[in-house]
């Protein structure tokens, strides 16, 4: 996963379809589980998405997120945010969510 460390880096994402995880995996168990799942999903290569992570709490709060983890999926046709950690912590459910919403 590519790392986003500043708000400017976030704003400069130019990929047409991408997924970004917002969280703090060093101190948050659901964030760590989500991170691990997304790394596996990215490695499997089944989705035509660029994977990003943002673990800077200042960026996360600047974007208005008050709960983590958040998985944001952006495609040319939609922007969705997954805020349900029970889904993002389960690899199969996370794959299903991405499949249903990415058009793949």
N, C-alpha and C. Protein backbone atom coordinates (compact mmCIF):
# COMPACT_ATOMS: atom_id res chain seq x y z
N UNK A 1 0.84 -1.18 0.00
CA UNK A 1 0.00 0.00 0.00
C UNK A 1 0.89 1.24 0.00
N UNK A 2 0.46 2.22 -0.76
CA UNK A 2 1.16 3.50 -0.76
C UNK A 2 0.71 4.30 0.46
N UNK A 3 1.64 5.00 1.04
CA UNK A 3 1.36 5.74 2.27
C UNK A 3 1.04 7.21 1.97
N UNK A 4 -0.03 7.69 2.60
CA UNK A 4 -0.40 9.10 2.55
C UNK A 4 -0.05 9.70 3.90
N UNK A 5 0.82 10.71 3.89
CA UNK A 5 1.29 11.28 5.16
C UNK A 5 0.84 12.71 5.40
N UNK A 6 0.32 13.36 4.35
CA UNK A 6 -0.11 14.75 4.52
C UNK A 6 -1.43 14.97 3.81
N UNK A 7 -2.11 16.02 4.17
CA UNK A 7 -3.36 16.38 3.52
C UNK A 7 -3.11 16.72 2.05
N UNK A 8 -1.99 17.36 1.74
CA UNK A 8 -1.65 17.66 0.35
C UNK A 8 -1.46 16.38 -0.47
N UNK A 9 -0.80 15.37 0.10
CA UNK A 9 -0.64 14.10 -0.60
C UNK A 9 -2.00 13.47 -0.87
N UNK A 10 -2.90 13.54 0.09
CA UNK A 10 -4.24 13.00 -0.08
C UNK A 10 -4.95 13.72 -1.24
N UNK A 11 -4.85 15.01 -1.26
CA UNK A 11 -5.53 15.80 -2.30
C UNK A 11 -4.94 15.57 -3.68
N UNK A 12 -3.71 15.08 -3.75
CA UNK A 12 -3.05 14.90 -5.04
C UNK A 12 -3.25 13.50 -5.62
N UNK A 13 -4.02 12.65 -4.97
CA UNK A 13 -4.27 11.32 -5.53
C UNK A 13 -4.96 11.51 -6.88
N UNK A 14 -4.40 10.90 -7.90
CA UNK A 14 -4.95 11.08 -9.24
C UNK A 14 -5.44 9.78 -9.85
N UNK A 15 -5.34 8.69 -9.12
CA UNK A 15 -5.83 7.41 -9.64
C UNK A 15 -7.33 7.48 -9.84
N UNK A 16 -7.82 6.84 -10.89
CA UNK A 16 -9.27 6.85 -11.16
C UNK A 16 -10.03 5.96 -10.20
N UNK A 17 -9.40 4.88 -9.78
CA UNK A 17 -10.03 3.96 -8.83
C UNK A 17 -9.00 3.61 -7.76
N UNK A 18 -9.39 3.86 -6.51
CA UNK A 18 -8.47 3.56 -5.43
C UNK A 18 -9.23 3.25 -4.15
N UNK A 19 -8.49 2.68 -3.23
CA UNK A 19 -9.01 2.35 -1.92
C UNK A 19 -8.00 2.88 -0.91
N UNK A 20 -8.49 3.53 0.13
CA UNK A 20 -7.59 4.05 1.15
C UNK A 20 -8.11 3.69 2.54
N UNK A 21 -7.19 3.22 3.36
CA UNK A 21 -7.54 2.92 4.76
C UNK A 21 -7.05 4.04 5.64
N UNK A 22 -7.95 4.55 6.47
CA UNK A 22 -7.60 5.54 7.49
C UNK A 22 -7.64 4.82 8.83
N UNK A 23 -6.55 4.89 9.57
CA UNK A 23 -6.52 4.23 10.86
C UNK A 23 -5.19 4.42 11.56
N UNK A 24 -5.07 3.79 12.71
CA UNK A 24 -3.82 3.81 13.48
C UNK A 24 -3.50 2.38 13.91
N UNK A 25 -2.94 1.57 12.99
CA UNK A 25 -2.74 0.16 13.29
C UNK A 25 -1.77 -0.14 14.42
N UNK A 26 -0.95 0.83 14.81
CA UNK A 26 -0.02 0.59 15.92
C UNK A 26 -0.73 0.57 17.27
N UNK A 27 -1.88 1.25 17.36
CA UNK A 27 -2.57 1.36 18.65
C UNK A 27 -4.02 0.89 18.61
N UNK A 28 -4.50 0.47 17.45
CA UNK A 28 -5.91 0.11 17.27
C UNK A 28 -5.99 -1.28 16.66
N UNK A 29 -6.52 -2.24 17.41
CA UNK A 29 -6.61 -3.62 16.92
C UNK A 29 -7.48 -3.73 15.66
N UNK A 30 -8.68 -3.13 15.61
CA UNK A 30 -9.46 -3.20 14.37
C UNK A 30 -8.72 -2.58 13.17
N UNK A 31 -7.96 -1.52 13.41
CA UNK A 31 -7.19 -0.90 12.33
C UNK A 31 -6.11 -1.86 11.83
N UNK A 32 -5.44 -2.55 12.74
CA UNK A 32 -4.39 -3.50 12.38
C UNK A 32 -4.98 -4.66 11.59
N UNK A 33 -6.12 -5.17 12.02
CA UNK A 33 -6.75 -6.28 11.30
C UNK A 33 -7.18 -5.83 9.90
N UNK A 34 -7.71 -4.61 9.80
CA UNK A 34 -8.11 -4.07 8.51
C UNK A 34 -6.88 -3.92 7.61
N UNK A 35 -5.81 -3.38 8.16
CA UNK A 35 -4.58 -3.22 7.40
C UNK A 35 -4.09 -4.57 6.87
N UNK A 36 -4.05 -5.58 7.73
CA UNK A 36 -3.59 -6.91 7.31
C UNK A 36 -4.47 -7.47 6.19
N UNK A 37 -5.78 -7.31 6.32
CA UNK A 37 -6.69 -7.80 5.28
C UNK A 37 -6.47 -7.08 3.96
N UNK A 38 -6.31 -5.77 4.02
CA UNK A 38 -6.12 -5.00 2.78
C UNK A 38 -4.80 -5.35 2.11
N UNK A 39 -3.77 -5.61 2.89
CA UNK A 39 -2.48 -6.02 2.30
C UNK A 39 -2.63 -7.35 1.57
N UNK A 40 -3.37 -8.28 2.16
CA UNK A 40 -3.61 -9.58 1.50
C UNK A 40 -4.42 -9.38 0.22
N UNK A 41 -5.45 -8.56 0.29
CA UNK A 41 -6.31 -8.32 -0.87
C UNK A 41 -5.50 -7.65 -1.98
N UNK A 42 -4.69 -6.68 -1.62
CA UNK A 42 -3.85 -6.01 -2.62
C UNK A 42 -2.89 -7.02 -3.26
N UNK A 43 -2.27 -7.86 -2.44
CA UNK A 43 -1.31 -8.84 -2.94
C UNK A 43 -1.98 -9.84 -3.89
N UNK A 44 -3.23 -10.20 -3.60
CA UNK A 44 -3.95 -11.14 -4.47
C UNK A 44 -4.17 -10.56 -5.86
N UNK A 45 -4.24 -9.24 -5.97
CA UNK A 45 -4.34 -8.59 -7.27
C UNK A 45 -5.64 -8.79 -8.02
N UNK A 46 -6.72 -9.06 -7.32
CA UNK A 46 -8.01 -9.32 -7.97
C UNK A 46 -8.79 -8.06 -8.31
N UNK A 47 -8.32 -6.91 -7.86
CA UNK A 47 -9.04 -5.67 -8.09
C UNK A 47 -8.14 -4.67 -8.81
N UNK A 48 -8.73 -3.93 -9.72
CA UNK A 48 -8.00 -2.91 -10.45
C UNK A 48 -8.08 -1.59 -9.67
N UNK A 49 -7.45 -1.59 -8.51
CA UNK A 49 -7.47 -0.45 -7.60
C UNK A 49 -6.04 -0.17 -7.14
N UNK A 50 -5.77 1.07 -6.84
CA UNK A 50 -4.54 1.43 -6.16
C UNK A 50 -4.87 1.49 -4.67
N UNK A 51 -4.04 0.85 -3.86
CA UNK A 51 -4.28 0.78 -2.42
C UNK A 51 -3.41 1.80 -1.69
N UNK A 52 -4.04 2.56 -0.82
CA UNK A 52 -3.35 3.57 -0.01
C UNK A 52 -3.67 3.34 1.46
N UNK A 53 -2.80 3.88 2.30
CA UNK A 53 -3.06 3.91 3.73
C UNK A 53 -2.74 5.30 4.24
N UNK A 54 -3.48 5.74 5.24
CA UNK A 54 -3.22 7.01 5.91
C UNK A 54 -3.34 6.77 7.40
N UNK A 55 -2.20 6.89 8.09
CA UNK A 55 -2.16 6.63 9.50
C UNK A 55 -1.83 7.88 10.32
N UNK A 56 -1.88 9.03 9.68
CA UNK A 56 -1.61 10.29 10.38
C UNK A 56 -2.90 10.83 10.97
N UNK A 57 -2.97 10.89 12.27
CA UNK A 57 -4.22 11.29 12.94
C UNK A 57 -4.62 12.71 12.58
N UNK A 58 -3.65 13.59 12.30
CA UNK A 58 -3.98 14.96 11.90
C UNK A 58 -4.69 14.99 10.56
N UNK A 59 -4.25 14.18 9.61
CA UNK A 59 -4.93 14.09 8.31
C UNK A 59 -6.31 13.48 8.50
N UNK A 60 -6.38 12.42 9.28
CA UNK A 60 -7.64 11.72 9.50
C UNK A 60 -8.69 12.66 10.09
N UNK A 61 -8.33 13.40 11.11
CA UNK A 61 -9.30 14.31 11.73
C UNK A 61 -9.59 15.52 10.84
N UNK A 62 -8.61 15.95 10.05
CA UNK A 62 -8.84 17.07 9.11
C UNK A 62 -9.89 16.71 8.07
N UNK A 63 -9.98 15.43 7.75
CA UNK A 63 -10.96 14.96 6.77
C UNK A 63 -12.32 14.70 7.42
N UNK A 64 -12.41 14.91 8.72
CA UNK A 64 -13.69 14.80 9.40
C UNK A 64 -14.00 13.43 10.00
N UNK A 65 -13.03 12.54 10.00
CA UNK A 65 -13.26 11.21 10.57
C UNK A 65 -13.03 11.26 12.07
N UNK A 66 -13.99 10.77 12.81
CA UNK A 66 -13.85 10.73 14.26
C UNK A 66 -13.76 9.31 14.79
N UNK A 67 -14.04 8.34 13.93
CA UNK A 67 -13.92 6.93 14.30
C UNK A 67 -13.07 6.24 13.24
N UNK A 68 -12.25 5.31 13.69
CA UNK A 68 -11.42 4.54 12.78
C UNK A 68 -11.55 3.07 13.11
N UNK A 69 -11.29 2.18 12.21
CA UNK A 69 -10.82 2.39 10.85
C UNK A 69 -11.95 2.82 9.91
N UNK A 70 -11.54 3.49 8.85
CA UNK A 70 -12.43 3.85 7.75
C UNK A 70 -11.76 3.37 6.48
N UNK A 71 -12.52 2.70 5.64
CA UNK A 71 -12.02 2.30 4.32
C UNK A 71 -12.83 3.09 3.30
N UNK A 72 -12.11 3.86 2.48
CA UNK A 72 -12.76 4.69 1.47
C UNK A 72 -12.46 4.10 0.10
N UNK A 73 -13.51 3.88 -0.68
CA UNK A 73 -13.40 3.34 -2.02
C UNK A 73 -13.85 4.41 -3.01
N UNK A 74 -12.99 4.72 -3.95
CA UNK A 74 -13.30 5.73 -4.96
C UNK A 74 -13.17 5.08 -6.34
N UNK A 75 -14.23 5.18 -7.13
CA UNK A 75 -14.23 4.72 -8.52
C UNK A 75 -14.75 5.88 -9.36
N UNK A 76 -14.66 5.77 -10.68
CA UNK A 76 -15.19 6.86 -11.50
C UNK A 76 -16.68 7.12 -11.28
N UNK A 77 -17.40 6.15 -10.72
CA UNK A 77 -18.85 6.28 -10.59
C UNK A 77 -19.36 6.47 -9.17
N UNK A 78 -18.49 6.25 -8.17
CA UNK A 78 -18.97 6.39 -6.79
C UNK A 78 -17.84 6.59 -5.81
N UNK A 79 -18.20 7.12 -4.68
CA UNK A 79 -17.30 7.27 -3.54
C UNK A 79 -18.04 6.72 -2.33
N UNK A 80 -17.46 5.70 -1.70
CA UNK A 80 -18.10 5.07 -0.55
C UNK A 80 -17.13 4.99 0.62
N UNK A 81 -17.68 5.03 1.81
CA UNK A 81 -16.88 4.90 3.01
C UNK A 81 -17.43 3.75 3.85
N UNK A 82 -16.56 2.84 4.17
CA UNK A 82 -16.92 1.72 5.05
C UNK A 82 -16.45 2.08 6.45
N UNK A 83 -17.40 2.26 7.35
CA UNK A 83 -17.07 2.62 8.73
C UNK A 83 -17.38 1.49 9.70
N UNK A 84 -17.85 0.38 9.20
CA UNK A 84 -18.20 -0.78 10.03
C UNK A 84 -16.97 -1.67 10.19
N UNK A 85 -16.30 -1.55 11.32
CA UNK A 85 -15.07 -2.31 11.56
C UNK A 85 -15.32 -3.82 11.55
N UNK A 86 -16.53 -4.25 11.86
CA UNK A 86 -16.79 -5.70 11.86
C UNK A 86 -16.67 -6.26 10.44
N UNK A 87 -16.95 -5.45 9.43
CA UNK A 87 -16.78 -5.89 8.04
C UNK A 87 -15.31 -5.80 7.65
N UNK A 88 -14.66 -4.68 7.95
CA UNK A 88 -13.28 -4.50 7.51
C UNK A 88 -12.31 -5.44 8.21
N UNK A 89 -12.68 -5.95 9.39
CA UNK A 89 -11.82 -6.89 10.11
C UNK A 89 -11.99 -8.32 9.61
N UNK A 90 -12.99 -8.58 8.80
CA UNK A 90 -13.24 -9.92 8.27
C UNK A 90 -12.84 -9.91 6.79
N UNK A 91 -11.81 -10.65 6.44
CA UNK A 91 -11.28 -10.60 5.07
C UNK A 91 -12.34 -10.92 4.01
N UNK A 92 -13.12 -11.97 4.22
CA UNK A 92 -14.13 -12.35 3.22
C UNK A 92 -15.19 -11.27 3.06
N UNK A 93 -15.65 -10.70 4.18
CA UNK A 93 -16.66 -9.65 4.08
C UNK A 93 -16.08 -8.40 3.42
N UNK A 94 -14.83 -8.11 3.69
CA UNK A 94 -14.19 -6.96 3.07
C UNK A 94 -14.04 -7.17 1.56
N UNK A 95 -13.65 -8.36 1.15
CA UNK A 95 -13.57 -8.68 -0.28
C UNK A 95 -14.94 -8.53 -0.93
N UNK A 96 -15.97 -9.04 -0.28
CA UNK A 96 -17.33 -8.92 -0.81
C UNK A 96 -17.73 -7.46 -0.96
N UNK A 97 -17.43 -6.63 0.05
CA UNK A 97 -17.78 -5.21 0.00
C UNK A 97 -17.08 -4.51 -1.17
N UNK A 98 -15.79 -4.82 -1.34
CA UNK A 98 -15.05 -4.21 -2.44
C UNK A 98 -15.61 -4.69 -3.78
N UNK A 99 -15.87 -5.99 -3.89
CA UNK A 99 -16.42 -6.54 -5.13
C UNK A 99 -17.75 -5.91 -5.50
N UNK A 100 -18.63 -5.80 -4.53
CA UNK A 100 -19.97 -5.24 -4.78
C UNK A 100 -19.93 -3.78 -5.19
N UNK A 101 -18.92 -3.06 -4.73
CA UNK A 101 -18.91 -1.62 -4.91
C UNK A 101 -17.89 -1.09 -5.91
N UNK A 102 -16.95 -1.94 -6.32
CA UNK A 102 -15.92 -1.47 -7.24
C UNK A 102 -16.28 -1.74 -8.70
N UNK A 103 -17.34 -2.50 -8.92
CA UNK A 103 -17.73 -2.84 -10.28
C UNK A 103 -16.92 -3.99 -10.85
N UNK A 104 -16.21 -4.72 -10.00
CA UNK A 104 -15.40 -5.85 -10.48
C UNK A 104 -15.96 -7.15 -9.96
